[in-house]
Amino acid sequence: MTLSESAYLQFVPDLRICRLLNGLWQVSGAHGSIDPSRAIPDMFRYHDTGLTTWDLADHYGPAEDFIGEFRRQLAARRGLGALSGVQALTKWVPRPGPMSPEIVANNIAISLRRMDLKSLDLLQFHWWDYNDERYLDALTHLARLREEGKIKHLGLTNFDTEHLKRIGEHGVRVVSNQVQYSLIDRRPQVQMVAYCRNQGVHLLAYGTLCGGLLSDRYLGLPEPVGAALNTASLRKYKQMIDAWGGWELFQQLLVTLKGIADSKGASIANVAVRYVLDRPAVAGVIAGARLGLAEHRADNARAFDIQLDDEDLGQIESVLSHSRDLYQLIGDCGDEYRR
């Protein structure tokens, strides 16, 4: 299988990414036990499919170590030149507290060592507590590490529009912000998208498939409860669906998406991904990769082979118009983590 050229984006002048990113939250332990002996061969299969861009974090269990081992094996098998075809976008998620230059540099050094890199492609910074304004210290020191070549590009994770603006006013340039964005959660459209378009900041969307709930698998099923929600993603996004409008409305959405998908020889997941990929400012969508446990590469890749027309979008909007306003209920992007 070969992905079309539309599957790729020149994210910044020196970094080209696949717009469907392989998300490694799923190796953190909350989605089933991952066997490294099966995970690394699976990473080769993703890579050879054309899904070359990985999204991970320092606290996603062995995710950074997996990238390091994958890179070593790739270089050993195919030569050092093959490494230029891999993009690994990691995150630093510190506990709020003192952010000295040494603390910041030491944490970045850990990621560099684990990932077997001399310079991080993109470091995405997250901060839990806006009341502790030392996040600005951390970003200032990260910007200096960028100047020193330890980081190529600096991004954010789950920052709201107000604090994204604050960071810009502080003089720190960022190229991206990773936020939850799906047919269920369209909060980025309220403020974030306009600001990002004006400032040239990309959005990387996660939660686009609601942990797998936005798929053919859940069409016509009774509402899942208890043990049926057996991963952290399913539990998280089921709660989001409850806030958005509940299971009955969600089933109406799945029926609508199924009709659109069938007309295009695609799946519900394809339509859900395509919808978000087409939103302004969105550079890519992150789809979870449960390495060695589950495989949706071929299906996910079909999102690049379909287009949604005005009739499709009208059908989708007719369902979404009955949902609750999550911006009013929860707040701006990332506010669910700081309530």
C-alpha atoms as a PDB file:
ATOM      1  CA  MET A   1       0.000   0.000   0.000  1.00  0.00           C
ATOM      2  CA  THR A   2       1.307   3.451  -0.955  1.00  0.00           C
ATOM      3  CA  LEU A   3      -0.139   6.658   0.486  1.00  0.00           C
ATOM      4  CA  SER A   4      -1.018   9.484  -1.854  1.00  0.00           C
ATOM      5  CA  GLU A   5       0.985  12.704  -1.847  1.00  0.00           C
ATOM      6  CA  SER A   6      -1.947  14.369  -0.049  1.00  0.00           C
ATOM      7  CA  ALA A   7      -1.073  12.285   3.006  1.00  0.00           C
ATOM      8  CA  TYR A   8       1.970  14.467   3.646  1.00  0.00           C
ATOM      9  CA  LEU A   9       2.466  18.070   4.690  1.00  0.00           C
ATOM     10  CA  GLN A  10       5.477  20.354   4.809  1.00  0.00           C
ATOM     11  CA  PHE A  11       4.882  21.133   8.469  1.00  0.00           C
ATOM     12  CA  VAL A  12       7.757  23.614   8.604  1.00  0.00           C
ATOM     13  CA  PRO A  13      10.457  24.189   5.984  1.00  0.00           C
ATOM     14  CA  ASP A  14      12.726  21.454   7.347  1.00  0.00           C
ATOM     15  CA  LEU A  15      10.116  18.970   8.592  1.00  0.00           C
ATOM     16  CA  ARG A  16       7.679  17.032   6.412  1.00  0.00           C
ATOM     17  CA  ILE A  17       5.127  14.912   8.255  1.00  0.00           C
ATOM     18  CA  CYS A  18       2.488  12.336   7.492  1.00  0.00           C
ATOM     19  CA  ARG A  19      -0.874  13.929   8.287  1.00  0.00           C
ATOM     20  CA  LEU A  20      -2.001  10.727  10.005  1.00  0.00           C
ATOM     21  CA  LEU A  21       0.309  10.424  12.997  1.00  0.00           C
ATOM     22  CA  ASN A  22       0.900   7.210  14.928  1.00  0.00           C
ATOM     23  CA  GLY A  23      -0.030   7.967  18.538  1.00  0.00           C
ATOM     24  CA  LEU A  24       1.909   6.131  21.239  1.00  0.00           C
ATOM     25  CA  TRP A  25      -0.223   6.959  24.296  1.00  0.00           C
ATOM     26  CA  GLN A  26      -1.476   3.408  23.757  1.00  0.00           C
ATOM     27  CA  VAL A  27       1.866   1.916  24.870  1.00  0.00           C
ATOM     28  CA  SER A  28       1.728   3.666  28.247  1.00  0.00           C
ATOM     29  CA  GLY A  29       0.084   0.686  29.962  1.00  0.00           C
ATOM     30  CA  ALA A  30      -3.510   1.926  30.105  1.00  0.00           C
ATOM     31  CA  HIS A  31      -4.511   0.155  26.888  1.00  0.00           C
ATOM     32  CA  GLY A  32      -3.134  -3.329  27.431  1.00  0.00           C
ATOM     33  CA  SER A  33       0.334  -4.756  27.917  1.00  0.00           C
ATOM     34  CA  ILE A  34       2.735  -4.123  25.039  1.00  0.00           C
ATOM     35  CA  ASP A  35       5.402  -6.703  24.172  1.00  0.00           C
ATOM     36  CA  PRO A  36       8.541  -4.906  22.900  1.00  0.00           C
ATOM     37  CA  SER A  37       9.486  -7.925  20.805  1.00  0.00           C
ATOM     38  CA  ARG A  38       6.259  -7.430  18.848  1.00  0.00           C
ATOM     39  CA  ALA A  39       6.127  -3.626  19.043  1.00  0.00           C
ATOM     40  CA  ILE A  40       9.303  -2.850  17.111  1.00  0.00           C
ATOM     41  CA  PRO A  41       8.468  -5.120  14.128  1.00  0.00           C
ATOM     42  CA  ASP A  42       5.033  -3.477  14.076  1.00  0.00           C
ATOM     43  CA  MET A  43       6.687  -0.045  13.899  1.00  0.00           C
ATOM     44  CA  PHE A  44       8.436  -1.199  10.720  1.00  0.00           C
ATOM     45  CA  ARG A  45       5.061  -2.133   9.246  1.00  0.00           C
ATOM     46  CA  TYR A  46       3.681   1.344  10.012  1.00  0.00           C
ATOM     47  CA  HIS A  47       6.760   2.967   8.539  1.00  0.00           C
ATOM     48  CA  ASP A  48       6.715   0.861   5.381  1.00  0.00           C
ATOM     49  CA  THR A  49       3.023   1.698   4.885  1.00  0.00           C
ATOM     50  CA  GLY A  50       4.044   5.353   4.706  1.00  0.00           C
ATOM     51  CA  LEU A  51       2.837   6.205   8.214  1.00  0.00           C
ATOM     52  CA  THR A  52       6.199   7.677   9.161  1.00  0.00           C
ATOM     53  CA  THR A  53       5.318  10.220  11.845  1.00  0.00           C
ATOM     54  CA  TRP A  54       5.109   9.296  15.535  1.00  0.00           C
ATOM     55  CA  ASP A  55       3.513  11.236  18.371  1.00  0.00           C
ATOM     56  CA  LEU A  56       4.724  10.357  21.858  1.00  0.00           C
ATOM     57  CA  ALA A  57       5.679  11.777  25.243  1.00  0.00           C
ATOM     58  CA  ASP A  58       8.193  11.379  28.022  1.00  0.00           C
ATOM     59  CA  HIS A  59       5.495   9.859  30.259  1.00  0.00           C
ATOM     60  CA  TYR A  60       4.022   7.392  27.752  1.00  0.00           C
ATOM     61  CA  GLY A  61       5.751   4.410  29.338  1.00  0.00           C
ATOM     62  CA  PRO A  62       8.423   3.033  26.956  1.00  0.00           C
ATOM     63  CA  ALA A  63       7.363   5.153  23.954  1.00  0.00           C
ATOM     64  CA  GLU A  64      10.600   7.135  23.707  1.00  0.00           C
ATOM     65  CA  ASP A  65      12.629   3.942  24.193  1.00  0.00           C
ATOM     66  CA  PHE A  66      10.674   2.279  21.372  1.00  0.00           C
ATOM     67  CA  ILE A  67      11.571   5.152  19.040  1.00  0.00           C
ATOM     68  CA  GLY A  68      15.222   4.819  19.989  1.00  0.00           C
ATOM     69  CA  GLU A  69      15.280   1.076  19.359  1.00  0.00           C
ATOM     70  CA  PHE A  70      13.319   1.436  16.112  1.00  0.00           C
ATOM     71  CA  ARG A  71      15.806   4.010  14.870  1.00  0.00           C
ATOM     72  CA  ARG A  72      18.772   1.788  15.725  1.00  0.00           C
ATOM     73  CA  GLN A  73      17.274  -1.197  13.964  1.00  0.00           C
ATOM     74  CA  LEU A  74      16.243   0.891  10.961  1.00  0.00           C
ATOM     75  CA  ALA A  75      19.768   2.270  10.583  1.00  0.00           C
ATOM     76  CA  ALA A  76      21.305  -1.185  10.968  1.00  0.00           C
ATOM     77  CA  ARG A  77      19.052  -2.699   8.284  1.00  0.00           C
ATOM     78  CA  ARG A  78      18.774   0.146   5.783  1.00  0.00           C
ATOM     79  CA  GLY A  79      21.588   2.566   6.504  1.00  0.00           C
ATOM     80  CA  LEU A  80      21.799   5.862   8.358  1.00  0.00           C
ATOM     81  CA  GLY A  81      20.098   7.656   5.480  1.00  0.00           C
ATOM     82  CA  ALA A  82      16.845   5.862   6.254  1.00  0.00           C
ATOM     83  CA  LEU A  83      16.546   7.778   9.522  1.00  0.00           C
ATOM     84  CA  SER A  84      15.671  10.977   7.651  1.00  0.00           C
ATOM     85  CA  GLY A  85      12.340   9.364   6.774  1.00  0.00           C
ATOM     86  CA  VAL A  86      11.248   9.080  10.420  1.00  0.00           C
ATOM     87  CA  GLN A  87       9.609  11.942  12.325  1.00  0.00           C
ATOM     88  CA  ALA A  88       9.253  11.618  16.104  1.00  0.00           C
ATOM     89  CA  LEU A  89       7.304  14.363  17.895  1.00  0.00           C
ATOM     90  CA  THR A  90       7.618  14.017  21.639  1.00  0.00           C
ATOM     91  CA  LYS A  91       6.280  15.928  24.641  1.00  0.00           C
ATOM     92  CA  TRP A  92       7.640  17.120  27.937  1.00  0.00           C
ATOM     93  CA  VAL A  93       4.999  17.097  30.682  1.00  0.00           C
ATOM     94  CA  PRO A  94       6.647  18.270  33.916  1.00  0.00           C
ATOM     95  CA  ARG A  95       5.031  18.780  37.267  1.00  0.00           C
ATOM     96  CA  PRO A  96       4.665  22.505  37.930  1.00  0.00           C
ATOM     97  CA  GLY A  97       7.529  23.819  40.012  1.00  0.00           C
ATOM     98  CA  PRO A  98      10.898  25.504  39.626  1.00  0.00           C
ATOM     99  CA  MET A  99      12.004  25.641  35.990  1.00  0.00           C
ATOM    100  CA  SER A 100      15.691  26.463  36.016  1.00  0.00           C
ATOM    101  CA  PRO A 101      17.813  26.146  32.866  1.00  0.00           C
ATOM    102  CA  GLU A 102      19.418  23.020  34.369  1.00  0.00           C
ATOM    103  CA  ILE A 103      16.088  21.316  35.113  1.00  0.00           C
ATOM    104  CA  VAL A 104      14.808  21.965  31.604  1.00  0.00           C
ATOM    105  CA  ALA A 105      18.055  20.929  29.888  1.00  0.00           C
ATOM    106  CA  ASN A 106      18.361  17.748  31.945  1.00  0.00           C
ATOM    107  CA  ASN A 107      14.842  16.618  31.030  1.00  0.00           C
ATOM    108  CA  ILE A 108      15.386  17.262  27.352  1.00  0.00           C
ATOM    109  CA  ALA A 109      18.660  15.341  27.564  1.00  0.00           C
ATOM    110  CA  ILE A 110      16.737  12.319  28.873  1.00  0.00           C
ATOM    111  CA  SER A 111      14.418  12.351  25.855  1.00  0.00           C
ATOM    112  CA  LEU A 112      17.354  12.757  23.470  1.00  0.00           C
ATOM    113  CA  ARG A 113      19.108   9.780  25.009  1.00  0.00           C
ATOM    114  CA  ARG A 114      16.015   7.561  25.069  1.00  0.00           C
ATOM    115  CA  MET A 115      15.122   8.383  21.461  1.00  0.00           C
ATOM    116  CA  ASP A 116      18.729   8.125  20.241  1.00  0.00           C
ATOM    117  CA  LEU A 117      18.665  11.619  18.763  1.00  0.00           C
ATOM    118  CA  LYS A 118      20.962  14.620  18.749  1.00  0.00           C
ATOM    119  CA  SER A 119      18.079  17.022  18.190  1.00  0.00           C
ATOM    120  CA  LEU A 120      14.333  16.606  18.785  1.00  0.00           C
ATOM    121  CA  ASP A 121      12.168  17.152  15.681  1.00  0.00           C
ATOM    122  CA  LEU A 122       9.406  18.778  17.755  1.00  0.00           C
ATOM    123  CA  LEU A 123       9.178  19.192  21.506  1.00  0.00           C
ATOM    124  CA  GLN A 124       5.566  19.722  22.595  1.00  0.00           C
ATOM    125  CA  PHE A 125       5.293  21.318  26.036  1.00  0.00           C
ATOM    126  CA  HIS A 126       2.395  20.779  28.447  1.00  0.00           C
ATOM    127  CA  TRP A 127       1.719  22.558  31.744  1.00  0.00           C
ATOM    128  CA  TRP A 128      -0.926  21.554  34.260  1.00  0.00           C
ATOM    129  CA  ASP A 129      -1.445  24.731  36.315  1.00  0.00           C
ATOM    130  CA  TYR A 130      -1.724  28.177  34.741  1.00  0.00           C
ATOM    131  CA  ASN A 131      -1.632  29.750  38.198  1.00  0.00           C
ATOM    132  CA  ASP A 132       2.012  28.707  38.364  1.00  0.00           C
ATOM    133  CA  GLU A 133       3.470  31.022  35.732  1.00  0.00           C
ATOM    134  CA  ARG A 134       6.825  29.273  35.709  1.00  0.00           C
ATOM    135  CA  TYR A 135       5.660  27.660  32.482  1.00  0.00           C
ATOM    136  CA  LEU A 136       6.974  30.861  30.874  1.00  0.00           C
ATOM    137  CA  ASP A 137      10.397  30.182  32.408  1.00  0.00           C
ATOM    138  CA  ALA A 138      10.326  26.647  31.026  1.00  0.00           C
ATOM    139  CA  LEU A 139       9.426  27.866  27.545  1.00  0.00           C
ATOM    140  CA  THR A 140      12.142  30.531  27.638  1.00  0.00           C
ATOM    141  CA  HIS A 141      14.738  27.862  28.447  1.00  0.00           C
ATOM    142  CA  LEU A 142      13.312  25.528  25.794  1.00  0.00           C
ATOM    143  CA  ALA A 143      13.667  28.322  23.245  1.00  0.00           C
ATOM    144  CA  ARG A 144      17.346  28.619  24.180  1.00  0.00           C
ATOM    145  CA  LEU A 145      17.783  24.874  23.702  1.00  0.00           C
ATOM    146  CA  ARG A 146      16.233  25.331  20.271  1.00  0.00           C
ATOM    147  CA  GLU A 147      18.861  27.960  19.497  1.00  0.00           C
ATOM    148  CA  GLU A 148      21.550  25.516  20.654  1.00  0.00           C
ATOM    149  CA  GLY A 149      20.199  22.813  18.332  1.00  0.00           C
ATOM    150  CA  LYS A 150      18.900  20.410  20.966  1.00  0.00           C
ATOM    151  CA  ILE A 151      15.368  21.053  19.728  1.00  0.00           C
ATOM    152  CA  LYS A 152      14.488  21.843  16.122  1.00  0.00           C
ATOM    153  CA  HIS A 153      10.979  23.126  16.763  1.00  0.00           C
ATOM    154  CA  LEU A 154       8.880  23.990  19.786  1.00  0.00           C
ATOM    155  CA  GLY A 155       5.171  23.258  20.159  1.00  0.00           C
ATOM    156  CA  LEU A 156       2.527  23.020  22.861  1.00  0.00           C
ATOM    157  CA  THR A 157      -0.015  20.507  24.089  1.00  0.00           C
ATOM    158  CA  ASN A 158      -3.470  21.395  25.458  1.00  0.00           C
ATOM    159  CA  PHE A 159      -2.884  25.118  25.847  1.00  0.00           C
ATOM    160  CA  ASP A 160      -5.973  27.289  25.560  1.00  0.00           C
ATOM    161  CA  THR A 161      -6.184  30.333  23.300  1.00  0.00           C
ATOM    162  CA  GLU A 162      -5.609  32.851  26.088  1.00  0.00           C
ATOM    163  CA  HIS A 163      -2.350  31.263  27.181  1.00  0.00           C
ATOM    164  CA  LEU A 164      -1.241  30.570  23.621  1.00  0.00           C
ATOM    165  CA  LYS A 165      -1.500  34.320  23.096  1.00  0.00           C
ATOM    166  CA  ARG A 166       0.356  34.954  26.355  1.00  0.00           C
ATOM    167  CA  ILE A 167       3.244  32.776  25.218  1.00  0.00           C
ATOM    168  CA  GLY A 168       3.454  34.659  21.930  1.00  0.00           C
ATOM    169  CA  GLU A 169       3.452  37.981  23.752  1.00  0.00           C
ATOM    170  CA  HIS A 170       6.266  36.624  25.943  1.00  0.00           C
ATOM    171  CA  GLY A 171       8.351  36.301  22.798  1.00  0.00           C
ATOM    172  CA  VAL A 172       8.403  32.504  22.486  1.00  0.00           C
ATOM    173  CA  ARG A 173       7.678  31.231  18.976  1.00  0.00           C
ATOM    174  CA  VAL A 174       5.790  27.947  18.705  1.00  0.00           C
ATOM    175  CA  VAL A 175       4.823  26.082  15.541  1.00  0.00           C
ATOM    176  CA  SER A 176       1.985  23.921  16.865  1.00  0.00           C
ATOM    177  CA  ASN A 177      -0.528  23.181  19.579  1.00  0.00           C
ATOM    178  CA  GLN A 178      -1.906  19.684  20.112  1.00  0.00           C
ATOM    179  CA  VAL A 179      -5.586  19.688  21.115  1.00  0.00           C
ATOM    180  CA  GLN A 180      -8.588  17.414  21.295  1.00  0.00           C
ATOM    181  CA  TYR A 181     -10.579  17.835  18.078  1.00  0.00           C
ATOM    182  CA  SER A 182     -13.283  15.589  16.669  1.00  0.00           C
ATOM    183  CA  LEU A 183     -16.859  15.534  15.425  1.00  0.00           C
ATOM    184  CA  ILE A 184     -17.793  15.289  19.103  1.00  0.00           C
ATOM    185  CA  ASP A 185     -15.427  17.959  20.391  1.00  0.00           C
ATOM    186  CA  ARG A 186     -15.299  20.977  18.097  1.00  0.00           C
ATOM    187  CA  ARG A 187     -14.187  23.487  20.729  1.00  0.00           C
ATOM    188  CA  PRO A 188     -11.082  24.522  18.715  1.00  0.00           C
ATOM    189  CA  GLN A 189     -13.426  26.180  16.204  1.00  0.00           C
ATOM    190  CA  VAL A 190     -14.600  28.744  18.743  1.00  0.00           C
ATOM    191  CA  GLN A 191     -11.358  30.704  19.289  1.00  0.00           C
ATOM    192  CA  MET A 192      -8.307  28.561  18.702  1.00  0.00           C
ATOM    193  CA  VAL A 193      -8.502  28.111  14.926  1.00  0.00           C
ATOM    194  CA  ALA A 194      -8.753  31.820  14.118  1.00  0.00           C
ATOM    195  CA  TYR A 195      -5.801  32.666  16.336  1.00  0.00           C
ATOM    196  CA  CYS A 196      -3.666  29.852  14.937  1.00  0.00           C
ATOM    197  CA  ARG A 197      -4.407  30.787  11.337  1.00  0.00           C
ATOM    198  CA  ASN A 198      -3.464  34.382  12.054  1.00  0.00           C
ATOM    199  CA  GLN A 199      -0.206  33.385  13.766  1.00  0.00           C
ATOM    200  CA  GLY A 200       0.789  30.494  11.502  1.00  0.00           C
ATOM    201  CA  VAL A 201       0.457  27.894  14.246  1.00  0.00           C
ATOM    202  CA  HIS A 202      -0.512  24.349  13.255  1.00  0.00           C
ATOM    203  CA  LEU A 203      -3.026  22.247  15.162  1.00  0.00           C
ATOM    204  CA  LEU A 204      -2.360  18.551  15.766  1.00  0.00           C
ATOM    205  CA  ALA A 205      -5.638  16.833  16.613  1.00  0.00           C
ATOM    206  CA  TYR A 206      -6.078  13.925  19.007  1.00  0.00           C
ATOM    207  CA  GLY A 207      -9.220  12.133  20.148  1.00  0.00           C
ATOM    208  CA  THR A 208     -10.505  12.333  16.564  1.00  0.00           C
ATOM    209  CA  LEU A 209     -11.786   8.735  16.705  1.00  0.00           C
ATOM    210  CA  CYS A 210     -12.865   9.001  20.358  1.00  0.00           C
ATOM    211  CA  GLY A 211     -10.708   6.059  21.346  1.00  0.00           C
ATOM    212  CA  GLY A 212     -12.305   3.899  18.650  1.00  0.00           C
ATOM    213  CA  LEU A 213     -15.917   4.749  19.493  1.00  0.00           C
ATOM    214  CA  LEU A 214     -16.260   6.687  16.235  1.00  0.00           C
ATOM    215  CA  SER A 215     -16.121   3.529  14.143  1.00  0.00           C
ATOM    216  CA  ASP A 216     -18.283   0.894  12.495  1.00  0.00           C
ATOM    217  CA  ARG A 217     -17.685  -1.363  15.477  1.00  0.00           C
ATOM    218  CA  TYR A 218     -20.015   0.659  17.731  1.00  0.00           C
ATOM    219  CA  LEU A 219     -22.804   1.229  15.229  1.00  0.00           C
ATOM    220  CA  GLY A 220     -26.034  -0.206  16.612  1.00  0.00           C
ATOM    221  CA  LEU A 221     -24.487  -1.364  19.883  1.00  0.00           C
ATOM    222  CA  PRO A 222     -26.107  -0.714  23.262  1.00  0.00           C
ATOM    223  CA  GLU A 223     -24.436   1.883  25.421  1.00  0.00           C
ATOM    224  CA  PRO A 224     -21.125   0.466  26.755  1.00  0.00           C
ATOM    225  CA  VAL A 225     -20.649   0.538  30.516  1.00  0.00           C
ATOM    226  CA  GLY A 226     -18.299  -0.930  33.083  1.00  0.00           C
ATOM    227  CA  ALA A 227     -16.011  -3.644  31.776  1.00  0.00           C
ATOM    228  CA  ALA A 228     -16.948  -2.847  28.167  1.00  0.00           C
ATOM    229  CA  LEU A 229     -14.934   0.358  28.535  1.00  0.00           C
ATOM    230  CA  ASN A 230     -11.687  -1.532  28.971  1.00  0.00           C
ATOM    231  CA  THR A 231      -9.121   1.081  27.917  1.00  0.00           C
ATOM    232  CA  ALA A 232      -8.289   4.542  29.176  1.00  0.00           C
ATOM    233  CA  SER A 233      -9.298   5.974  25.794  1.00  0.00           C
ATOM    234  CA  LEU A 234     -12.736   4.345  25.806  1.00  0.00           C
ATOM    235  CA  ARG A 235     -13.437   5.595  29.325  1.00  0.00           C
ATOM    236  CA  LYS A 236     -12.224   9.106  28.558  1.00  0.00           C
ATOM    237  CA  TYR A 237     -14.136   9.576  25.317  1.00  0.00           C
ATOM    238  CA  LYS A 238     -17.312   7.890  26.517  1.00  0.00           C
ATOM    239  CA  GLN A 239     -17.458  10.627  29.155  1.00  0.00           C
ATOM    240  CA  MET A 240     -17.001  13.210  26.405  1.00  0.00           C
ATOM    241  CA  ILE A 241     -19.871  11.680  24.422  1.00  0.00           C
ATOM    242  CA  ASP A 242     -22.064  11.787  27.537  1.00  0.00           C
ATOM    243  CA  ALA A 243     -21.335  15.505  27.931  1.00  0.00           C
ATOM    244  CA  TRP A 244     -21.829  16.142  24.208  1.00  0.00           C
ATOM    245  CA  GLY A 245     -25.286  14.624  23.907  1.00  0.00           C
ATOM    246  CA  GLY A 246     -25.429  11.005  25.022  1.00  0.00           C
ATOM    247  CA  TRP A 247     -25.447   7.599  23.383  1.00  0.00           C
ATOM    248  CA  GLU A 248     -28.719   7.943  21.492  1.00  0.00           C
ATOM    249  CA  LEU A 249     -27.548  11.056  19.654  1.00  0.00           C
ATOM    250  CA  PHE A 250     -24.168   9.417  19.127  1.00  0.00           C
ATOM    251  CA  GLN A 251     -25.892   6.492  17.408  1.00  0.00           C
ATOM    252  CA  GLN A 252     -27.685   8.949  15.128  1.00  0.00           C
ATOM    253  CA  LEU A 253     -24.298  10.376  14.220  1.00  0.00           C
ATOM    254  CA  LEU A 254     -22.871   6.917  13.514  1.00  0.00           C
ATOM    255  CA  VAL A 255     -25.830   6.081  11.244  1.00  0.00           C
ATOM    256  CA  THR A 256     -25.268   9.318   9.304  1.00  0.00           C
ATOM    257  CA  LEU A 257     -21.533   8.713   9.021  1.00  0.00           C
ATOM    258  CA  LYS A 258     -22.166   5.130   7.895  1.00  0.00           C
ATOM    259  CA  GLY A 259     -24.354   6.330   5.032  1.00  0.00           C
ATOM    260  CA  ILE A 260     -21.677   8.773   3.907  1.00  0.00           C
ATOM    261  CA  ALA A 261     -18.935   6.160   4.288  1.00  0.00           C
ATOM    262  CA  ASP A 262     -20.831   3.536   2.292  1.00  0.00           C
ATOM    263  CA  SER A 263     -21.300   5.967  -0.590  1.00  0.00           C
ATOM    264  CA  LYS A 264     -17.520   6.365  -0.766  1.00  0.00           C
ATOM    265  CA  GLY A 265     -16.418   2.800  -0.141  1.00  0.00           C
ATOM    266  CA  ALA A 266     -14.968   3.911   3.173  1.00  0.00           C
ATOM    267  CA  SER A 267     -15.509   3.472   6.909  1.00  0.00           C
ATOM    268  CA  ILE A 268     -17.008   5.624   9.648  1.00  0.00           C
ATOM    269  CA  ALA A 269     -13.502   6.207  10.978  1.00  0.00           C
ATOM    270  CA  ASN A 270     -12.350   7.444   7.565  1.00  0.00           C
ATOM    271  CA  VAL A 271     -15.119  10.036   7.470  1.00  0.00           C
ATOM    272  CA  ALA A 272     -14.389  11.156  11.039  1.00  0.00           C
ATOM    273  CA  VAL A 273     -10.690  11.609  10.249  1.00  0.00           C
ATOM    274  CA  ARG A 274     -11.327  13.321   6.911  1.00  0.00           C
ATOM    275  CA  TYR A 275     -13.674  15.802   8.564  1.00  0.00           C
ATOM    276  CA  VAL A 276     -10.987  16.964  11.003  1.00  0.00           C
ATOM    277  CA  LEU A 277      -8.168  16.891   8.447  1.00  0.00           C
ATOM    278  CA  ASP A 278     -10.200  19.342   6.369  1.00  0.00           C
ATOM    279  CA  ARG A 279     -10.658  21.841   9.203  1.00  0.00           C
ATOM    280  CA  PRO A 280      -8.652  25.083   8.962  1.00  0.00           C
ATOM    281  CA  ALA A 281      -5.274  25.118  10.758  1.00  0.00           C
ATOM    282  CA  VAL A 282      -5.246  21.317  11.227  1.00  0.00           C
ATOM    283  CA  ALA A 283      -1.912  19.834  10.126  1.00  0.00           C
ATOM    284  CA  GLY A 284      -2.558  16.273  11.196  1.00  0.00           C
ATOM    285  CA  VAL A 285      -4.674  13.789  13.112  1.00  0.00           C
ATOM    286  CA  ILE A 286      -3.245  11.385  15.671  1.00  0.00           C
ATOM    287  CA  ALA A 287      -4.549   7.812  15.563  1.00  0.00           C
ATOM    288  CA  GLY A 288      -3.587   5.489  18.396  1.00  0.00           C
ATOM    289  CA  ALA A 289      -1.186   2.662  17.581  1.00  0.00           C
ATOM    290  CA  ARG A 290      -1.606  -0.348  19.880  1.00  0.00           C
ATOM    291  CA  LEU A 291       1.622  -1.923  18.722  1.00  0.00           C
ATOM    292  CA  GLY A 292       1.428  -5.687  18.439  1.00  0.00           C
ATOM    293  CA  LEU A 293      -2.175  -5.751  19.745  1.00  0.00           C
ATOM    294  CA  ALA A 294      -4.413  -4.209  17.080  1.00  0.00           C
ATOM    295  CA  GLU A 295      -3.947  -3.054  13.502  1.00  0.00           C
ATOM    296  CA  HIS A 296      -5.962  -0.478  11.589  1.00  0.00           C
ATOM    297  CA  ARG A 297      -3.300   0.821   9.190  1.00  0.00           C
ATOM    298  CA  ALA A 298      -5.025  -0.053   5.922  1.00  0.00           C
ATOM    299  CA  ASP A 299      -8.404   1.275   7.037  1.00  0.00           C
ATOM    300  CA  ASN A 300      -7.010   4.499   8.514  1.00  0.00           C
ATOM    301  CA  ALA A 301      -5.026   5.224   5.366  1.00  0.00           C
ATOM    302  CA  ARG A 302      -8.226   5.285   3.288  1.00  0.00           C
ATOM    303  CA  ALA A 303      -9.051   8.656   4.836  1.00  0.00           C
ATOM    304  CA  PHE A 304      -6.718  10.152   2.232  1.00  0.00           C
ATOM    305  CA  ASP A 305      -8.707   8.623  -0.627  1.00  0.00           C
ATOM    306  CA  ILE A 306     -12.050  10.292   0.106  1.00  0.00           C
ATOM    307  CA  GLN A 307     -13.473  13.798  -0.003  1.00  0.00           C
ATOM    308  CA  LEU A 308     -16.480  15.228   1.842  1.00  0.00           C
ATOM    309  CA  ASP A 309     -18.766  17.466  -0.209  1.00  0.00           C
ATOM    310  CA  ASP A 310     -21.294  20.055   0.921  1.00  0.00           C
ATOM    311  CA  GLU A 311     -24.084  17.473   1.037  1.00  0.00           C
ATOM    312  CA  ASP A 312     -22.028  15.222   3.306  1.00  0.00           C
ATOM    313  CA  LEU A 313     -21.175  18.124   5.587  1.00  0.00           C
ATOM    314  CA  GLY A 314     -24.814  19.184   5.697  1.00  0.00           C
ATOM    315  CA  GLN A 315     -25.916  15.725   6.819  1.00  0.00           C
ATOM    316  CA  ILE A 316     -23.273  15.714   9.550  1.00  0.00           C
ATOM    317  CA  GLU A 317     -24.203  19.195  10.725  1.00  0.00           C
ATOM    318  CA  SER A 318     -27.874  18.250  10.958  1.00  0.00           C
ATOM    319  CA  VAL A 319     -26.945  15.784  13.701  1.00  0.00           C
ATOM    320  CA  LEU A 320     -24.303  17.896  15.407  1.00  0.00           C
ATOM    321  CA  SER A 321     -26.740  20.799  15.688  1.00  0.00           C
ATOM    322  CA  HIS A 322     -28.633  18.803  18.347  1.00  0.00           C
ATOM    323  CA  SER A 323     -25.595  18.388  20.598  1.00  0.00           C
ATOM    324  CA  ARG A 324     -24.627  20.443  23.636  1.00  0.00           C
ATOM    325  CA  ASP A 325     -22.086  23.263  23.477  1.00  0.00           C
ATOM    326  CA  LEU A 326     -18.914  21.755  24.970  1.00  0.00           C
ATOM    327  CA  TYR A 327     -17.189  25.128  24.919  1.00  0.00           C
ATOM    328  CA  GLN A 328     -19.809  26.431  27.326  1.00  0.00           C
ATOM    329  CA  LEU A 329     -19.788  23.239  29.405  1.00  0.00           C
ATOM    330  CA  ILE A 330     -16.044  22.606  29.607  1.00  0.00           C
ATOM    331  CA  GLY A 331     -14.238  25.692  28.382  1.00  0.00           C
ATOM    332  CA  ASP A 332     -11.544  26.204  25.793  1.00  0.00           C
ATOM    333  CA  CYS A 333      -9.093  23.562  24.573  1.00  0.00           C
ATOM    334  CA  GLY A 334      -7.406  21.741  27.434  1.00  0.00           C
ATOM    335  CA  ASP A 335      -9.598  23.220  30.145  1.00  0.00           C
ATOM    336  CA  GLU A 336     -10.797  19.722  31.055  1.00  0.00           C
ATOM    337  CA  TYR A 337      -7.307  19.120  32.494  1.00  0.00           C
ATOM    338  CA  ARG A 338      -7.328  22.200  34.698  1.00  0.00           C
ATOM    339  CA  ARG A 339     -10.759  22.257  36.335  1.00  0.00           C
END
